[in-house]
Amino acid sequence: MDAVRVALLREVLAGTEWLGATRRFACVLRGSVVSHGGGLLLVGTPEYEPWHLAAHLVDEAAWSGTPELAPTLVRHDARPSDPPHLSVGPGRLAAARRGETLLVVSPNRAGAPLLEQVHDARRAGATVLSLGPGEGELAAMAHESLAVPEGTDLDLDTVQHLVSAAAGENAVPTPRGRRRFRDRLSRLADQLTAPPPARW
């Protein structure tokens, strides 16, 4: 779904709870990864891998100048022979630590093995976000959850489009590399006009 379709979808959803809910969730996601300098792990269930969300977050990371949004897709059936970006298996969840963010996308209630892995990651200090049914152990375990119950106006795939677009558009790019002349000049002016330090 491109930017034009997302804009049209937002027009259709104007006045509903979805726009605010997806933007709030995206703000939490972006805030978590940017404040910790990245480390976004994205995982689904053995039956559902969020490939599409991973691709959109990579695009949004590039377009918004926020590389921290680019996730590592954790796959349940990853093989060493897969390309590097597709070969990260569930063992990566066991290595999750403080400062990392784990986004779990599940169309149904998560199974016991995934719940155990998420619990261990949270206990190790990772921030856990969930996108799915909105009930059950996963939602209760998550620091932030966006519920997409069955039978609602939108399906899980559409909500993922809204979340990824909001995560990228709300980002304020930070200066990287060499600063522009205007930035250096502004900093110099601030230093020259600052009051002298107090002497005691």
Foldseek 3Di string as FASTA:
>chain_A
DDPVVLVVVCVVCPPHCLLVLLLVLLCVVLVLQVVLVAAEEEEEAQVDFPPVLLVLQCVLCVVQQNVNSRYQGEHCPADPPDPPSRRHYLVVLLVAAASHEYEYEYADDHDDVVLVSPLNNVVRHYAYEYEYQCDDDNNVSHPYYDHDRPPDPDGSVSSSVSNSVSNRVVDDNDDDDDDDPVVVVVVVVCVVPDDDDDDD
